[in-house]
N, C-alpha and C. Protein backbone atom coordinates (compact mmCIF):
# COMPACT_ATOMS: atom_id res chain seq x y z
N MET A 1 94.23 70.09 146.98
CA MET A 1 94.70 69.14 147.99
C MET A 1 94.70 69.85 149.35
N PRO A 2 93.96 69.35 150.34
CA PRO A 2 93.89 70.01 151.64
C PRO A 2 95.26 70.09 152.29
N VAL A 3 95.52 71.20 152.95
CA VAL A 3 96.77 71.36 153.65
C VAL A 3 96.75 70.53 154.93
N ALA A 4 97.90 70.00 155.33
CA ALA A 4 97.97 69.18 156.53
C ALA A 4 97.61 70.01 157.75
N LEU A 5 96.97 69.36 158.73
CA LEU A 5 96.54 70.08 159.93
C LEU A 5 97.71 70.71 160.65
N SER A 6 98.85 69.99 160.73
CA SER A 6 100.02 70.54 161.41
C SER A 6 100.54 71.78 160.70
N GLU A 7 100.48 71.76 159.35
CA GLU A 7 100.93 72.93 158.58
C GLU A 7 100.03 74.12 158.83
N MET A 8 98.72 73.87 158.92
CA MET A 8 97.77 74.96 159.19
C MET A 8 98.00 75.53 160.58
N ASN A 9 98.25 74.64 161.54
CA ASN A 9 98.49 75.11 162.91
C ASN A 9 99.75 75.97 162.98
N ASN A 10 100.81 75.54 162.30
CA ASN A 10 102.05 76.33 162.27
C ASN A 10 101.81 77.69 161.66
N SER A 11 101.01 77.72 160.58
CA SER A 11 100.69 78.98 159.92
C SER A 11 99.92 79.90 160.86
N ALA A 12 99.01 79.31 161.64
CA ALA A 12 98.19 80.13 162.54
C ALA A 12 99.02 80.71 163.68
N GLU A 13 100.03 79.98 164.11
CA GLU A 13 100.82 80.40 165.27
C GLU A 13 102.01 81.29 164.89
N GLU A 14 102.42 81.30 163.62
CA GLU A 14 103.60 82.04 163.22
C GLU A 14 103.35 83.53 163.25
N ALA A 15 104.30 84.28 163.78
CA ALA A 15 104.19 85.74 163.82
C ALA A 15 104.26 86.29 162.40
N LEU A 16 103.45 87.31 162.15
CA LEU A 16 103.40 87.91 160.82
C LEU A 16 104.33 89.12 160.79
N SER A 17 105.64 88.84 160.69
CA SER A 17 106.64 89.91 160.66
C SER A 17 107.51 89.77 159.42
N TRP A 18 107.82 90.91 158.82
CA TRP A 18 108.58 90.93 157.57
C TRP A 18 109.97 91.50 157.83
N SER A 19 110.99 90.90 157.22
CA SER A 19 112.35 91.42 157.36
C SER A 19 113.02 91.39 156.00
N PHE A 20 113.98 92.29 155.82
CA PHE A 20 114.69 92.34 154.55
C PHE A 20 115.79 91.28 154.54
N ASN A 21 115.71 90.37 153.58
CA ASN A 21 116.72 89.33 153.41
C ASN A 21 116.82 88.99 151.92
N ALA A 22 117.67 88.05 151.58
CA ALA A 22 117.90 87.72 150.18
C ALA A 22 116.63 87.27 149.46
N PRO A 23 115.82 86.35 150.04
CA PRO A 23 114.59 85.95 149.35
C PRO A 23 113.64 87.11 149.11
N ASN A 24 113.46 87.95 150.14
CA ASN A 24 112.56 89.08 149.98
C ASN A 24 113.11 90.13 149.02
N ALA A 25 114.45 90.21 148.92
CA ALA A 25 115.07 91.12 147.96
C ALA A 25 114.72 90.69 146.53
N VAL A 26 114.69 89.38 146.29
CA VAL A 26 114.31 88.87 144.96
C VAL A 26 112.85 89.23 144.67
N THR A 27 111.99 89.08 145.68
CA THR A 27 110.58 89.42 145.50
C THR A 27 110.41 90.91 145.20
N ILE A 28 111.17 91.74 145.92
CA ILE A 28 111.13 93.18 145.66
C ILE A 28 111.56 93.47 144.22
N ALA A 29 112.61 92.79 143.78
CA ALA A 29 113.10 92.98 142.41
C ALA A 29 112.01 92.64 141.39
N ARG A 30 111.20 91.61 141.67
CA ARG A 30 110.12 91.24 140.77
C ARG A 30 109.03 92.30 140.75
N VAL A 31 108.77 92.93 141.89
CA VAL A 31 107.79 94.02 141.94
C VAL A 31 108.30 95.22 141.13
N VAL A 32 109.59 95.52 141.28
CA VAL A 32 110.19 96.61 140.50
C VAL A 32 110.10 96.30 139.01
N LEU A 33 110.35 95.05 138.64
CA LEU A 33 110.21 94.64 137.24
C LEU A 33 108.80 94.92 136.74
N ALA A 34 107.80 94.61 137.56
CA ALA A 34 106.41 94.83 137.18
C ALA A 34 106.15 96.31 136.90
N ILE A 35 106.73 97.18 137.72
CA ILE A 35 106.56 98.62 137.52
C ILE A 35 107.22 99.08 136.22
N VAL A 36 108.42 98.57 135.96
CA VAL A 36 109.13 98.92 134.72
C VAL A 36 108.36 98.42 133.51
N ILE A 37 107.85 97.20 133.59
CA ILE A 37 107.07 96.63 132.48
C ILE A 37 105.84 97.49 132.20
N ALA A 38 105.16 97.90 133.26
CA ALA A 38 103.97 98.75 133.10
C ALA A 38 104.34 100.06 132.42
N TRP A 39 105.45 100.65 132.82
CA TRP A 39 105.89 101.91 132.22
C TRP A 39 106.21 101.73 130.74
N LEU A 40 106.88 100.64 130.40
CA LEU A 40 107.23 100.37 129.01
C LEU A 40 105.98 100.17 128.16
N LEU A 41 105.01 99.46 128.68
CA LEU A 41 103.77 99.24 127.92
C LEU A 41 103.01 100.54 127.72
N LEU A 42 103.10 101.42 128.71
CA LEU A 42 102.44 102.72 128.56
C LEU A 42 103.08 103.55 127.45
N GLN A 43 104.37 103.35 127.19
CA GLN A 43 105.04 104.09 126.11
C GLN A 43 104.51 103.65 124.75
N GLY A 44 104.24 102.34 124.62
CA GLY A 44 103.56 101.84 123.42
C GLY A 44 104.41 101.65 122.18
N GLY A 45 105.71 101.96 122.24
CA GLY A 45 106.57 101.77 121.07
C GLY A 45 106.96 100.31 120.88
N ALA A 46 107.36 99.94 119.68
CA ALA A 46 107.71 98.55 119.38
C ALA A 46 108.89 98.09 120.24
N LYS A 47 109.91 98.93 120.39
CA LYS A 47 111.07 98.56 121.19
C LYS A 47 110.70 98.42 122.66
N GLU A 48 109.85 99.33 123.13
CA GLU A 48 109.44 99.28 124.53
C GLU A 48 108.62 98.02 124.82
N ILE A 49 107.74 97.66 123.88
CA ILE A 49 106.92 96.46 124.07
C ILE A 49 107.80 95.21 124.05
N LEU A 50 108.78 95.19 123.16
CA LEU A 50 109.71 94.05 123.10
C LEU A 50 110.47 93.92 124.42
N LEU A 51 110.96 95.04 124.93
CA LEU A 51 111.69 95.01 126.19
C LEU A 51 110.78 94.59 127.34
N ALA A 52 109.53 95.06 127.30
CA ALA A 52 108.57 94.66 128.33
C ALA A 52 108.36 93.15 128.31
N GLY A 53 108.28 92.58 127.12
CA GLY A 53 108.11 91.14 127.00
C GLY A 53 109.31 90.37 127.54
N ILE A 54 110.50 90.88 127.26
CA ILE A 54 111.72 90.23 127.75
C ILE A 54 111.78 90.29 129.28
N LEU A 55 111.45 91.45 129.84
CA LEU A 55 111.45 91.59 131.30
C LEU A 55 110.37 90.72 131.95
N LEU A 56 109.27 90.55 131.23
CA LEU A 56 108.20 89.68 131.73
C LEU A 56 108.70 88.24 131.83
N ILE A 57 109.47 87.81 130.85
CA ILE A 57 110.06 86.47 130.89
C ILE A 57 111.01 86.35 132.08
N VAL A 58 111.79 87.40 132.33
CA VAL A 58 112.71 87.40 133.47
C VAL A 58 111.92 87.27 134.78
N GLY A 59 110.84 88.04 134.90
CA GLY A 59 110.01 87.97 136.09
C GLY A 59 109.41 86.59 136.29
N TRP A 60 108.99 85.98 135.19
CA TRP A 60 108.42 84.64 135.24
C TRP A 60 109.49 83.62 135.62
N ALA A 61 110.67 83.74 135.01
CA ALA A 61 111.75 82.77 135.25
C ALA A 61 112.25 82.81 136.69
N THR A 62 112.15 83.97 137.33
CA THR A 62 112.63 84.09 138.71
C THR A 62 111.52 83.87 139.73
N ASP A 63 110.36 83.40 139.28
CA ASP A 63 109.21 83.25 140.17
C ASP A 63 109.51 82.37 141.38
N GLY A 64 110.18 81.24 141.17
CA GLY A 64 110.44 80.33 142.28
C GLY A 64 111.75 80.57 143.00
N LEU A 65 112.53 81.57 142.53
CA LEU A 65 113.85 81.79 143.11
C LEU A 65 113.79 82.24 144.55
N ASP A 66 112.85 83.13 144.87
CA ASP A 66 112.75 83.62 146.24
C ASP A 66 112.38 82.50 147.20
N GLY A 67 111.44 81.64 146.79
CA GLY A 67 111.07 80.51 147.64
C GLY A 67 112.21 79.53 147.83
N LEU A 68 112.96 79.29 146.73
CA LEU A 68 114.10 78.37 146.81
C LEU A 68 115.16 78.91 147.76
N LEU A 69 115.46 80.20 147.65
CA LEU A 69 116.45 80.82 148.54
C LEU A 69 115.98 80.76 150.00
N ALA A 70 114.68 81.01 150.21
CA ALA A 70 114.15 81.01 151.57
C ALA A 70 114.32 79.63 152.21
N ARG A 71 114.06 78.58 151.43
CA ARG A 71 114.20 77.23 151.99
C ARG A 71 115.66 76.88 152.21
N ARG A 72 116.52 77.21 151.24
CA ARG A 72 117.94 76.88 151.35
C ARG A 72 118.61 77.64 152.50
N MET A 73 118.18 78.87 152.73
CA MET A 73 118.81 79.71 153.74
C MET A 73 118.08 79.67 155.08
N GLY A 74 117.03 78.86 155.16
CA GLY A 74 116.27 78.77 156.40
C GLY A 74 115.57 80.06 156.76
N GLN A 75 115.11 80.80 155.75
CA GLN A 75 114.47 82.10 155.98
C GLN A 75 113.02 82.12 155.51
N SER A 76 112.40 80.96 155.46
CA SER A 76 110.99 80.89 155.07
C SER A 76 110.11 81.50 156.16
N THR A 77 109.27 82.44 155.78
CA THR A 77 108.35 83.08 156.73
C THR A 77 106.98 83.21 156.08
N LEU A 78 105.97 83.33 156.92
CA LEU A 78 104.61 83.53 156.42
C LEU A 78 104.51 84.86 155.68
N ALA A 79 105.13 85.91 156.25
CA ALA A 79 105.09 87.22 155.61
C ALA A 79 105.75 87.19 154.23
N GLY A 80 106.88 86.47 154.13
CA GLY A 80 107.55 86.35 152.84
C GLY A 80 106.71 85.62 151.82
N SER A 81 105.99 84.59 152.25
CA SER A 81 105.11 83.84 151.35
C SER A 81 103.97 84.72 150.85
N LEU A 82 103.41 85.53 151.74
CA LEU A 82 102.33 86.44 151.35
C LEU A 82 102.84 87.49 150.37
N PHE A 83 104.04 88.01 150.64
CA PHE A 83 104.65 89.00 149.76
C PHE A 83 104.88 88.42 148.37
N ASP A 84 105.33 87.18 148.30
CA ASP A 84 105.56 86.51 147.03
C ASP A 84 104.26 86.35 146.26
N LEU A 85 103.19 85.99 146.98
CA LEU A 85 101.88 85.81 146.35
C LEU A 85 101.37 87.13 145.77
N VAL A 86 101.58 88.21 146.51
CA VAL A 86 101.17 89.54 146.03
C VAL A 86 102.01 89.93 144.82
N ALA A 87 103.31 89.64 144.86
CA ALA A 87 104.20 89.98 143.74
C ALA A 87 103.77 89.30 142.45
N ASP A 88 103.33 88.05 142.54
CA ASP A 88 102.83 87.33 141.37
C ASP A 88 101.67 88.08 140.73
N ARG A 89 100.75 88.53 141.57
CA ARG A 89 99.57 89.24 141.07
C ARG A 89 99.94 90.60 140.51
N VAL A 90 100.89 91.28 141.16
CA VAL A 90 101.33 92.60 140.69
C VAL A 90 102.01 92.49 139.32
N LEU A 91 102.71 91.40 139.10
CA LEU A 91 103.35 91.18 137.81
C LEU A 91 102.32 90.84 136.73
N MET A 92 101.29 90.10 137.09
CA MET A 92 100.31 89.62 136.13
C MET A 92 99.27 90.67 135.73
N THR A 93 98.55 91.20 136.71
CA THR A 93 97.35 91.99 136.42
C THR A 93 97.62 93.30 135.69
N PRO A 94 98.51 94.18 136.18
CA PRO A 94 98.74 95.42 135.44
C PRO A 94 99.28 95.18 134.02
N THR A 95 100.14 94.18 133.88
CA THR A 95 100.68 93.87 132.55
C THR A 95 99.56 93.47 131.60
N LEU A 96 98.67 92.61 132.06
CA LEU A 96 97.57 92.15 131.21
C LEU A 96 96.65 93.31 130.83
N ILE A 97 96.28 94.12 131.79
CA ILE A 97 95.37 95.24 131.52
C ILE A 97 95.99 96.22 130.53
N LEU A 98 97.25 96.58 130.74
CA LEU A 98 97.90 97.55 129.87
C LEU A 98 98.15 96.97 128.48
N ALA A 99 98.46 95.68 128.40
CA ALA A 99 98.68 95.05 127.09
C ALA A 99 97.39 95.03 126.28
N ILE A 100 96.28 94.75 126.94
CA ILE A 100 94.99 94.75 126.25
C ILE A 100 94.61 96.17 125.84
N ALA A 101 94.83 97.13 126.74
CA ALA A 101 94.54 98.53 126.42
C ALA A 101 95.37 99.01 125.24
N GLY A 102 96.58 98.44 125.10
CA GLY A 102 97.46 98.82 123.99
C GLY A 102 97.17 98.09 122.69
N GLY A 103 96.13 97.26 122.68
CA GLY A 103 95.72 96.59 121.45
C GLY A 103 96.50 95.34 121.12
N LEU A 104 97.27 94.80 122.09
CA LEU A 104 98.12 93.65 121.79
C LEU A 104 97.33 92.35 121.67
N TRP A 105 96.06 92.38 122.03
CA TRP A 105 95.22 91.18 121.90
C TRP A 105 94.25 91.28 120.74
N SER A 106 94.40 92.28 119.91
CA SER A 106 93.47 92.45 118.79
C SER A 106 93.60 91.33 117.77
N ARG A 107 94.75 90.65 117.73
CA ARG A 107 94.96 89.61 116.72
C ARG A 107 94.14 88.35 116.97
N THR A 108 93.52 88.24 118.15
CA THR A 108 92.66 87.09 118.39
C THR A 108 91.18 87.42 118.17
N ALA A 109 90.91 88.58 117.58
CA ALA A 109 89.54 88.93 117.26
C ALA A 109 88.97 87.88 116.30
N GLY A 110 87.79 87.41 116.58
CA GLY A 110 87.17 86.38 115.76
C GLY A 110 87.47 84.97 116.25
N LEU A 111 88.47 84.83 117.12
CA LEU A 111 88.81 83.51 117.66
C LEU A 111 88.24 83.29 119.05
N MET A 112 87.74 84.38 119.66
CA MET A 112 87.10 84.29 120.97
C MET A 112 85.95 85.28 121.02
N PRO A 113 84.75 84.84 121.40
CA PRO A 113 83.64 85.79 121.51
C PRO A 113 83.97 86.91 122.48
N PHE A 114 83.64 88.14 122.08
CA PHE A 114 83.89 89.32 122.91
C PHE A 114 85.37 89.44 123.28
N ASN A 115 86.22 89.03 122.37
CA ASN A 115 87.67 89.06 122.58
C ASN A 115 88.13 90.42 123.10
N PRO A 116 89.06 90.44 124.09
CA PRO A 116 89.60 89.31 124.86
C PRO A 116 88.99 89.21 126.25
N TYR A 117 87.77 89.76 126.40
CA TYR A 117 87.23 89.98 127.74
C TYR A 117 86.94 88.73 128.55
N PRO A 118 86.46 87.62 127.95
CA PRO A 118 86.30 86.42 128.79
C PRO A 118 87.61 85.99 129.45
N TYR A 119 88.69 86.09 128.69
CA TYR A 119 90.02 85.75 129.22
C TYR A 119 90.47 86.76 130.26
N ALA A 120 90.38 88.04 129.91
CA ALA A 120 90.90 89.08 130.79
C ALA A 120 90.12 89.16 132.10
N ILE A 121 88.80 89.10 132.01
CA ILE A 121 87.98 89.22 133.22
C ILE A 121 88.22 88.04 134.15
N THR A 122 88.37 86.84 133.58
CA THR A 122 88.61 85.65 134.41
C THR A 122 89.91 85.79 135.19
N VAL A 123 90.98 86.18 134.50
CA VAL A 123 92.29 86.29 135.14
C VAL A 123 92.32 87.43 136.16
N VAL A 124 91.83 88.58 135.76
CA VAL A 124 91.88 89.74 136.66
C VAL A 124 91.00 89.52 137.89
N ALA A 125 89.82 88.94 137.70
CA ALA A 125 88.94 88.67 138.83
C ALA A 125 89.59 87.70 139.81
N ALA A 126 90.25 86.67 139.28
CA ALA A 126 90.93 85.70 140.14
C ALA A 126 92.07 86.37 140.90
N ASP A 127 92.84 87.22 140.22
CA ASP A 127 93.95 87.91 140.87
C ASP A 127 93.45 88.83 141.98
N LEU A 128 92.40 89.57 141.70
CA LEU A 128 91.86 90.50 142.69
C LEU A 128 91.30 89.74 143.90
N THR A 129 90.72 88.57 143.65
CA THR A 129 90.20 87.75 144.75
C THR A 129 91.35 87.28 145.64
N VAL A 130 92.45 86.86 145.02
CA VAL A 130 93.62 86.43 145.79
C VAL A 130 94.14 87.59 146.64
N LEU A 131 94.27 88.76 146.02
CA LEU A 131 94.75 89.93 146.75
C LEU A 131 93.81 90.29 147.90
N ALA A 132 92.50 90.21 147.63
CA ALA A 132 91.53 90.49 148.69
C ALA A 132 91.68 89.49 149.83
N GLY A 133 91.94 88.23 149.48
CA GLY A 133 92.13 87.21 150.50
C GLY A 133 93.36 87.48 151.35
N VAL A 134 94.45 87.88 150.71
CA VAL A 134 95.69 88.17 151.43
C VAL A 134 95.49 89.32 152.41
N PHE A 135 94.90 90.40 151.93
CA PHE A 135 94.74 91.58 152.79
C PHE A 135 93.68 91.36 153.87
N THR A 136 92.66 90.55 153.57
CA THR A 136 91.67 90.20 154.59
C THR A 136 92.33 89.37 155.68
N PHE A 137 93.18 88.43 155.26
CA PHE A 137 93.90 87.59 156.22
C PHE A 137 94.79 88.44 157.12
N ILE A 138 95.54 89.37 156.52
CA ILE A 138 96.43 90.24 157.30
C ILE A 138 95.62 91.07 158.30
N TRP A 139 94.48 91.58 157.86
CA TRP A 139 93.64 92.40 158.74
C TRP A 139 93.12 91.57 159.91
N LYS A 140 92.65 90.35 159.63
CA LYS A 140 92.09 89.52 160.70
C LYS A 140 93.15 89.01 161.65
N ARG A 141 94.38 88.84 161.15
CA ARG A 141 95.45 88.37 162.02
C ARG A 141 95.84 89.39 163.09
N ARG A 142 95.35 90.62 162.93
CA ARG A 142 95.63 91.64 163.94
C ARG A 142 94.96 91.29 165.27
N SER A 143 93.84 90.57 165.19
CA SER A 143 93.07 90.32 166.41
C SER A 143 92.97 88.85 166.81
N ARG A 144 93.29 87.94 165.88
CA ARG A 144 93.20 86.52 166.23
C ARG A 144 94.10 85.69 165.32
N ALA A 145 94.44 84.51 165.81
CA ALA A 145 95.30 83.61 165.05
C ALA A 145 94.47 82.73 164.13
N ILE A 146 94.69 82.87 162.84
CA ILE A 146 94.05 81.99 161.86
C ILE A 146 95.13 81.52 160.90
N PRO A 147 95.00 80.30 160.38
CA PRO A 147 96.01 79.79 159.45
C PRO A 147 95.81 80.38 158.06
N PHE A 148 96.90 80.48 157.33
CA PHE A 148 96.81 80.95 155.96
C PHE A 148 96.77 79.76 155.01
N PRO A 149 95.80 79.72 154.09
CA PRO A 149 95.71 78.59 153.15
C PRO A 149 96.78 78.70 152.06
N ALA A 150 97.73 77.80 152.07
CA ALA A 150 98.75 77.81 151.03
C ALA A 150 98.11 77.52 149.68
N PRO A 151 98.64 78.07 148.59
CA PRO A 151 98.07 77.80 147.26
C PRO A 151 98.01 76.30 146.96
N THR A 152 96.92 75.89 146.33
CA THR A 152 96.76 74.49 145.96
C THR A 152 97.69 74.14 144.81
N LEU A 153 97.85 72.85 144.57
CA LEU A 153 98.71 72.40 143.46
C LEU A 153 98.20 72.93 142.13
N ILE A 154 96.89 72.89 141.92
CA ILE A 154 96.33 73.36 140.65
C ILE A 154 96.55 74.87 140.50
N ALA A 155 96.57 75.60 141.62
CA ALA A 155 96.82 77.04 141.55
C ALA A 155 98.26 77.31 141.11
N ARG A 156 99.19 76.51 141.60
CA ARG A 156 100.59 76.67 141.19
C ARG A 156 100.75 76.34 139.70
N ILE A 157 100.09 75.28 139.26
CA ILE A 157 100.16 74.91 137.85
C ILE A 157 99.54 76.00 136.97
N THR A 158 98.46 76.58 137.45
CA THR A 158 97.75 77.61 136.68
C THR A 158 98.64 78.80 136.37
N TYR A 159 99.46 79.20 137.33
CA TYR A 159 100.36 80.34 137.09
C TYR A 159 101.32 80.02 135.94
N SER A 160 101.68 78.74 135.81
CA SER A 160 102.57 78.32 134.73
C SER A 160 101.86 78.24 133.40
N VAL A 161 100.53 78.35 133.42
CA VAL A 161 99.75 78.43 132.18
C VAL A 161 99.46 79.90 131.86
N GLN A 162 99.18 80.67 132.89
CA GLN A 162 98.85 82.09 132.69
C GLN A 162 100.03 82.88 132.11
N MET A 163 101.23 82.63 132.62
CA MET A 163 102.38 83.43 132.21
C MET A 163 102.76 83.22 130.74
N PRO A 164 102.81 81.99 130.21
CA PRO A 164 103.12 81.84 128.79
C PRO A 164 102.10 82.57 127.91
N THR A 165 100.83 82.54 128.31
CA THR A 165 99.79 83.25 127.56
C THR A 165 100.09 84.74 127.52
N LEU A 166 100.48 85.28 128.67
CA LEU A 166 100.78 86.71 128.76
C LEU A 166 102.02 87.05 127.93
N VAL A 167 103.04 86.21 127.99
CA VAL A 167 104.27 86.45 127.23
C VAL A 167 104.01 86.42 125.74
N VAL A 168 103.28 85.40 125.28
CA VAL A 168 102.96 85.28 123.85
C VAL A 168 102.14 86.48 123.38
N GLY A 169 101.22 86.92 124.22
CA GLY A 169 100.39 88.08 123.86
C GLY A 169 101.19 89.37 123.78
N VAL A 170 102.05 89.61 124.76
CA VAL A 170 102.84 90.85 124.78
C VAL A 170 103.86 90.88 123.65
N LEU A 171 104.55 89.77 123.45
CA LEU A 171 105.59 89.74 122.41
C LEU A 171 105.03 89.58 121.01
N GLY A 172 103.78 89.14 120.90
CA GLY A 172 103.18 88.98 119.58
C GLY A 172 103.79 87.85 118.78
N VAL A 173 104.29 86.83 119.43
CA VAL A 173 104.94 85.72 118.74
C VAL A 173 103.94 84.59 118.50
N GLY A 174 104.25 83.73 117.53
CA GLY A 174 103.42 82.58 117.25
C GLY A 174 102.16 82.95 116.47
N PRO A 175 101.48 81.93 115.94
CA PRO A 175 100.24 82.19 115.20
C PRO A 175 99.12 82.66 116.11
N ASP A 176 98.14 83.34 115.53
CA ASP A 176 97.01 83.84 116.30
C ASP A 176 96.26 82.71 117.00
N MET A 177 96.17 81.57 116.32
CA MET A 177 95.47 80.43 116.90
C MET A 177 96.15 79.93 118.18
N LEU A 178 97.47 80.03 118.23
CA LEU A 178 98.20 79.61 119.43
C LEU A 178 97.81 80.48 120.61
N LEU A 179 97.79 81.79 120.41
CA LEU A 179 97.42 82.70 121.49
C LEU A 179 95.99 82.44 121.94
N ALA A 180 95.08 82.24 120.99
CA ALA A 180 93.69 81.97 121.34
C ALA A 180 93.57 80.68 122.15
N ALA A 181 94.31 79.64 121.74
CA ALA A 181 94.27 78.37 122.45
C ALA A 181 94.78 78.54 123.88
N LEU A 182 95.87 79.31 124.03
CA LEU A 182 96.40 79.57 125.37
C LEU A 182 95.42 80.36 126.22
N MET A 183 94.68 81.27 125.60
CA MET A 183 93.68 82.05 126.34
C MET A 183 92.57 81.14 126.87
N TYR A 184 92.07 80.24 126.02
CA TYR A 184 91.03 79.30 126.46
C TYR A 184 91.56 78.39 127.56
N LEU A 185 92.80 77.93 127.40
CA LEU A 185 93.41 77.06 128.41
C LEU A 185 93.54 77.79 129.73
N THR A 186 93.94 79.06 129.66
CA THR A 186 94.09 79.87 130.87
C THR A 186 92.75 80.05 131.58
N ILE A 187 91.69 80.28 130.81
CA ILE A 187 90.35 80.42 131.40
C ILE A 187 89.98 79.17 132.19
N ILE A 188 90.18 78.01 131.56
CA ILE A 188 89.82 76.74 132.20
C ILE A 188 90.62 76.52 133.48
N PHE A 189 91.94 76.67 133.39
CA PHE A 189 92.79 76.44 134.55
C PHE A 189 92.49 77.45 135.66
N THR A 190 92.27 78.70 135.29
CA THR A 190 92.01 79.73 136.30
C THR A 190 90.71 79.47 137.04
N LEU A 191 89.67 79.06 136.32
CA LEU A 191 88.39 78.77 136.97
C LEU A 191 88.51 77.58 137.91
N VAL A 192 89.18 76.52 137.46
CA VAL A 192 89.35 75.34 138.32
C VAL A 192 90.20 75.68 139.54
N ALA A 193 91.29 76.43 139.32
CA ALA A 193 92.17 76.81 140.43
C ALA A 193 91.44 77.70 141.42
N SER A 194 90.64 78.62 140.92
CA SER A 194 89.90 79.52 141.80
C SER A 194 88.92 78.75 142.67
N TYR A 195 88.25 77.78 142.05
CA TYR A 195 87.31 76.95 142.81
C TYR A 195 88.04 76.16 143.91
N SER A 196 89.16 75.54 143.53
CA SER A 196 89.90 74.72 144.50
C SER A 196 90.46 75.56 145.64
N TYR A 197 90.95 76.75 145.30
CA TYR A 197 91.55 77.61 146.32
C TYR A 197 90.47 78.18 147.24
N PHE A 198 89.32 78.56 146.65
CA PHE A 198 88.26 79.12 147.49
C PHE A 198 87.67 78.04 148.38
N ARG A 199 87.58 76.83 147.85
CA ARG A 199 87.06 75.72 148.67
C ARG A 199 87.99 75.44 149.85
N LYS A 200 89.28 75.58 149.60
CA LYS A 200 90.26 75.31 150.65
C LYS A 200 90.40 76.50 151.62
N GLY A 201 90.39 77.72 151.09
CA GLY A 201 90.70 78.88 151.93
C GLY A 201 89.62 79.92 152.04
N GLY A 202 88.39 79.55 151.66
CA GLY A 202 87.30 80.52 151.74
C GLY A 202 87.02 80.99 153.15
N TYR A 203 87.48 80.22 154.14
CA TYR A 203 87.26 80.59 155.54
C TYR A 203 87.91 81.93 155.89
N VAL A 204 88.91 82.34 155.10
CA VAL A 204 89.58 83.62 155.35
C VAL A 204 88.56 84.76 155.29
N PHE A 205 87.58 84.64 154.39
CA PHE A 205 86.56 85.70 154.26
C PHE A 205 85.42 85.54 155.24
N THR A 206 85.18 84.31 155.70
CA THR A 206 83.97 84.06 156.50
C THR A 206 84.21 83.86 157.98
N CYS A 207 85.45 83.53 158.39
CA CYS A 207 85.66 83.22 159.81
C CYS A 207 85.72 84.49 160.67
């Protein structure tokens, strides 16, 4: 869904300055969670993996808390929105890579060709593209005012599909077929979301 022209203009004119406040503190906490989760997965023990899965659920559950606080407290900023977007990717990508490296996706062997790489490559490539877009935008804003493309509706929905897949994979819960089905669903949603987001905000790379 295209962003309103007035919203784009406001984004282009807003100063890109970051300050420590309650919403950004929540985002920082989610980044710290991502680091702890990565460390736990590196340990590879059953208890550590279980704890990593629980913390992943906490990170997922608090995803919208920073935005909610920002709106309620009148502290919504462009820098805070960018930080939140980066935090989502930091929570997702390292966790997925380390979980796959730890063999937590081996149970879907035979249910997906070249398991789990079609799923993993799709998600990681999309995350890296988003991060590249954010940092390209920040770099270009040093010299000129350009609006930041807010995530599309399908992109927001996609994150709510990606995270359950990651949680089920890390915790090893549910039947193998469930995880495989979630992986296929994640691939579809991620590809559609990536197309919609690039169509809306591809100018960040080309302008």
